[in-house]
Amino acid sequence: MAAVARKTTRQAKAAPLAEKLRFLARPESYPHNPPTVEVMETHMSVAFLAGDRSTS
């Protein structure tokens, strides 16, 4: 019998990276309601400066 590859629940529900980045770049994505979100990219990271706070 041939092996059948199945996606795990985690893999099936994972959003594409571009969708996650768009979500994090929106001010309404943060509970402290920053006026803007600045996106800074390096060769290996993306940092989101949301008002007076940052996430990466």
Protein backbone atom coordinates (compact mmCIF):
# COMPACT_ATOMS: atom_id res chain seq x y z
CA MET A 1 0.00 0.00 0.00
CA ALA A 2 1.40 3.41 -0.95
CA ALA A 3 2.00 5.99 1.76
CA VAL A 4 -0.37 8.94 1.69
CA ALA A 5 0.96 12.34 2.75
CA ARG A 6 -1.50 14.26 4.89
CA LYS A 7 -1.27 17.76 6.20
CA THR A 8 -1.44 18.13 9.93
CA THR A 9 -4.05 20.43 11.41
CA ARG A 10 -1.35 23.02 12.08
CA GLN A 11 -0.13 22.95 8.46
CA ALA A 12 -3.65 23.08 7.03
CA LYS A 13 -4.56 26.20 9.04
CA ALA A 14 -1.30 28.12 8.60
CA ALA A 15 -1.74 31.43 6.81
CA PRO A 16 0.75 32.38 4.11
CA LEU A 17 3.61 34.61 5.26
CA ALA A 18 2.47 37.53 3.09
CA GLU A 19 -0.95 37.46 4.75
CA LYS A 20 0.62 37.53 8.23
CA LEU A 21 2.87 40.45 7.29
CA ARG A 22 -0.08 42.45 5.91
CA PHE A 23 -2.01 41.80 9.14
CA LEU A 24 0.88 42.93 11.36
CA ALA A 25 1.41 46.09 9.28
CA ARG A 26 -2.12 47.35 10.08
CA PRO A 27 -2.58 49.61 13.16
CA GLU A 28 -5.93 47.97 14.01
CA SER A 29 -4.10 44.67 14.60
CA TYR A 30 -2.72 45.97 17.91
CA PRO A 31 -4.71 46.36 21.15
CA HIS A 32 -3.04 49.66 22.10
CA ASN A 33 -4.34 51.28 18.87
CA PRO A 34 -1.16 52.95 17.54
CA PRO A 35 -1.59 55.76 15.01
CA THR A 36 0.84 54.09 12.57
CA VAL A 37 2.91 50.94 12.13
CA GLU A 38 6.38 51.24 10.61
CA VAL A 39 7.69 48.07 8.95
CA MET A 40 11.46 47.58 8.94
CA GLU A 41 13.04 44.67 7.09
CA THR A 42 16.54 43.29 7.41
CA HIS A 43 18.14 40.38 5.59
CA MET A 44 16.56 37.97 8.07
CA SER A 45 13.89 39.74 10.12
CA VAL A 46 10.83 41.94 9.85
CA ALA A 47 10.18 44.35 12.72
CA PHE A 48 6.90 46.20 13.27
CA LEU A 49 7.15 49.50 15.13
CA ALA A 50 3.61 50.06 16.38
CA GLY A 51 3.43 53.47 18.00
CA ASP A 52 5.76 53.45 21.02
CA ARG A 53 6.11 49.62 20.96
CA SER A 54 7.79 47.15 18.65
CA THR A 55 7.30 43.49 17.68
CA SER A 56 9.35 41.22 15.50
